[in-house]
Structure formats: C-alpha cells, structure tokens
Amino acid sequence: MAINYNEPVMFGRSGSAKTLGCSGIDFSEDGFESWTNSAVAEMDVSLLIPRQDVVFEIHAAPFVVTDRLISQNVFIFMAGFFIGYCTLTAPAVREFTVARNLISGRLMRLSLVIPTARSPHSLNISDDLRELGLHLRSITFKV
C-alpha cells in the first residue's frame, strides 16, 4: 500500500497500519493505537519520490513502570539507513528528517529498534509476555 504524504498512518485494529506488512506490532486492540510487542517493530512503506527532504513524524507513548523502567530508547531506520534516535519518557510526538535520496519510490522497510523493550512479566507486574516498547498512535511522512 502506498502511503500518502501528510496523511497519518494510524495503528490499532481500526487503523491502516496493519496493511503495511508489519511485524513486532500487536493490532488486537480496539481503536487507533497498538503496542510494539518485540524489540524490533517493522513495516513496509512505499512513498513517491519527493522533490525535497521528508519529515518522518512518530506519535507514541513509551512503556514505562515507575522506579523500574523509566524510558524507552528508539532507533529508527529506513531501508537500512539510520534516520534518528530518541528517548521517550512520556507520550510525545518526535520528528526526524529523511534525506530525499533515501526514498526510492519502491517498497522500503521502516524499522523501530527498541532495545529497552521489556515484558510486564519480566518486571513482575503481570503475566503479559509481550516485550512492550511503544504504544504507537500514528506515523506521518511530511513534505
């Protein structure tokens, strides 16, 4: 599925992200939000070749537990190229510049690498075995 510039891709059971060949993302929740459920969450994106650099925007909340897990580190890659890093301690919107020459017009893999993802079970707070990292709301490619 081609992604349109300036239109958010929403997550959750009702969102459009589930059509993007995703892995490491749980689409079982109602609404428009999804948890990443492994240390690497990926999706296939197809964008038209832009005339200028593109801004990648992610709207997400980290899985944090008071006094046990205070933040989530996120490394973002597009087609294997590093495009950004952030540490989230609370719900936030973050933006990263994607050089126009990285966008080929073909299917590319967007990867969110979250080395700090942990299961609630490993933190002794529930029986949930998913390695939670981010609660994703949307991603948007802006021109």
Protein backbone atom coordinates (compact mmCIF):
# COMPACT_ATOMS: atom_id res chain seq x y z
CA MET A 1 0.00 0.00 0.00
CA ALA A 2 1.37 3.40 -0.94
CA ILE A 3 1.49 5.94 1.84
CA ASN A 4 0.34 9.46 1.06
CA TYR A 5 2.43 12.35 2.27
CA ASN A 6 0.95 14.47 5.08
CA GLU A 7 -1.68 11.81 5.94
CA PRO A 8 -1.21 9.98 9.26
CA VAL A 9 -1.00 6.20 9.22
CA MET A 10 -3.00 5.09 12.25
CA PHE A 11 -2.48 1.94 14.32
CA GLY A 12 -4.83 -0.34 16.25
CA ARG A 13 -7.47 -2.71 14.92
CA SER A 14 -9.21 0.22 13.16
CA GLY A 15 -6.05 1.75 11.69
CA SER A 16 -4.47 1.44 8.28
CA ALA A 17 -1.00 0.40 9.51
CA LYS A 18 -1.99 -3.28 9.64
CA THR A 19 -1.97 -3.34 5.80
CA LEU A 20 1.75 -2.45 5.71
CA GLY A 21 3.26 -5.92 6.21
CA CYS A 22 4.09 -5.21 9.85
CA SER A 23 5.99 -7.36 12.30
CA GLY A 24 6.52 -6.76 16.01
CA ILE A 25 3.25 -4.80 16.37
CA ASP A 26 0.08 -6.02 18.11
CA PHE A 27 -3.09 -4.98 16.25
CA SER A 28 -5.54 -6.67 18.63
CA GLU A 29 -6.61 -3.50 20.49
CA ASP A 30 -9.74 -1.60 19.54
CA GLY A 31 -9.32 1.93 18.31
CA PHE A 32 -6.26 3.51 16.74
CA GLU A 33 -3.31 2.54 18.96
CA SER A 34 -1.03 -0.52 19.05
CA TRP A 35 1.76 -1.79 21.27
CA THR A 36 5.03 -2.86 19.76
CA ASN A 37 5.49 -6.39 21.07
CA SER A 38 9.15 -7.09 20.43
CA ALA A 39 12.45 -5.23 20.47
CA VAL A 40 12.13 -4.64 16.71
CA ALA A 41 8.94 -3.40 15.05
CA GLU A 42 8.90 -3.12 11.26
CA MET A 43 6.60 -2.19 8.41
CA ASP A 44 6.79 -1.88 4.64
CA VAL A 45 6.37 1.65 3.31
CA SER A 46 6.06 2.86 -0.24
CA LEU A 47 6.42 6.59 -0.91
CA LEU A 48 6.55 8.59 -4.11
CA ILE A 49 9.95 10.12 -4.83
CA PRO A 50 9.88 13.57 -3.22
CA ARG A 51 11.33 16.85 -4.50
CA GLN A 52 12.79 17.72 -1.10
CA ASP A 53 13.74 16.07 2.17
CA VAL A 54 10.86 14.46 4.06
CA VAL A 55 9.99 14.69 7.75
CA PHE A 56 9.11 11.42 9.47
CA GLU A 57 6.83 12.02 12.46
CA ILE A 58 6.02 9.42 15.09
CA HIS A 59 3.32 9.86 17.75
CA ALA A 60 3.87 7.33 20.55
CA ALA A 61 3.95 6.68 24.27
CA PRO A 62 6.63 4.58 25.94
CA PHE A 63 6.03 1.52 28.10
CA VAL A 64 7.36 2.75 31.46
CA VAL A 65 6.98 1.46 35.00
CA THR A 66 7.67 3.76 37.96
CA ASP A 67 11.06 3.02 39.54
CA ARG A 68 11.67 0.03 37.23
CA LEU A 69 11.67 1.23 33.65
CA ILE A 70 11.84 5.00 33.23
CA SER A 71 12.21 5.35 29.45
CA GLN A 72 12.33 3.66 26.07
CA ASN A 73 15.18 4.17 23.62
CA VAL A 74 14.18 4.09 19.96
CA PHE A 75 16.48 3.81 16.93
CA ILE A 76 14.75 4.44 13.58
CA PHE A 77 15.94 3.01 10.27
CA MET A 78 14.53 3.40 6.76
CA ALA A 79 15.65 0.94 4.08
CA GLY A 80 18.50 0.00 6.41
CA PHE A 81 19.72 3.59 6.85
CA PHE A 82 19.72 5.26 10.27
CA ILE A 83 17.39 8.25 10.33
CA GLY A 84 17.09 9.02 14.02
CA TYR A 85 17.15 8.23 17.70
CA CYS A 86 15.10 9.36 20.66
CA THR A 87 14.42 8.52 24.29
CA LEU A 88 10.78 8.66 25.33
CA THR A 89 9.76 9.07 28.96
CA ALA A 90 6.15 10.18 28.29
CA PRO A 91 3.73 10.37 25.34
CA ALA A 92 5.30 12.53 22.65
CA VAL A 93 5.50 13.47 19.00
CA ARG A 94 9.00 13.31 17.53
CA GLU A 95 10.19 14.34 14.07
CA PHE A 96 13.20 13.20 12.04
CA THR A 97 14.47 14.33 8.66
CA VAL A 98 14.70 11.70 5.93
CA ALA A 99 17.02 12.70 3.09
CA ARG A 100 15.12 12.65 -0.20
CA ASN A 101 17.75 10.41 -1.81
CA LEU A 102 16.84 7.60 0.64
CA ILE A 103 13.33 7.38 -0.81
CA SER A 104 13.42 5.17 -3.87
CA GLY A 105 9.76 5.00 -4.87
CA ARG A 106 9.87 1.26 -4.16
CA LEU A 107 8.87 -0.73 -1.11
CA MET A 108 11.17 0.08 1.84
CA ARG A 109 11.35 -1.34 5.34
CA LEU A 110 10.83 1.08 8.25
CA SER A 111 12.34 -0.33 11.45
CA LEU A 112 11.90 0.80 15.05
CA VAL A 113 14.58 -0.81 17.17
CA ILE A 114 13.71 -0.62 20.87
CA PRO A 115 16.47 -2.32 22.90
CA THR A 116 14.83 -1.30 26.19
CA ALA A 117 11.52 -3.13 25.43
CA ARG A 118 10.51 -5.37 28.34
CA SER A 119 7.66 -7.70 29.13
CA PRO A 120 5.39 -6.86 32.06
CA HIS A 121 6.04 -10.45 33.18
CA SER A 122 9.81 -9.83 33.41
CA LEU A 123 9.07 -6.81 35.62
CA ASN A 124 6.75 -8.89 37.83
CA ILE A 125 3.71 -6.69 37.18
CA SER A 126 1.54 -9.09 35.12
CA ASP A 127 1.56 -12.33 33.14
CA ASP A 128 1.87 -10.46 29.82
CA LEU A 129 4.86 -11.92 27.94
CA ARG A 130 4.92 -9.34 25.11
CA GLU A 131 8.08 -7.21 25.01
CA LEU A 132 6.39 -3.82 25.16
CA GLY A 133 8.25 -0.76 23.96
CA LEU A 134 5.98 1.82 22.39
CA HIS A 135 2.25 2.42 22.28
CA LEU A 136 2.00 3.68 18.70
CA ARG A 137 -0.67 6.19 17.71
CA SER A 138 0.46 7.28 14.25
CA ILE A 139 3.30 7.86 11.84
CA THR A 140 3.29 10.54 9.16
CA PHE A 141 5.65 11.37 6.31
CA LYS A 142 5.51 15.12 5.70
CA VAL A 143 6.67 17.22 2.76
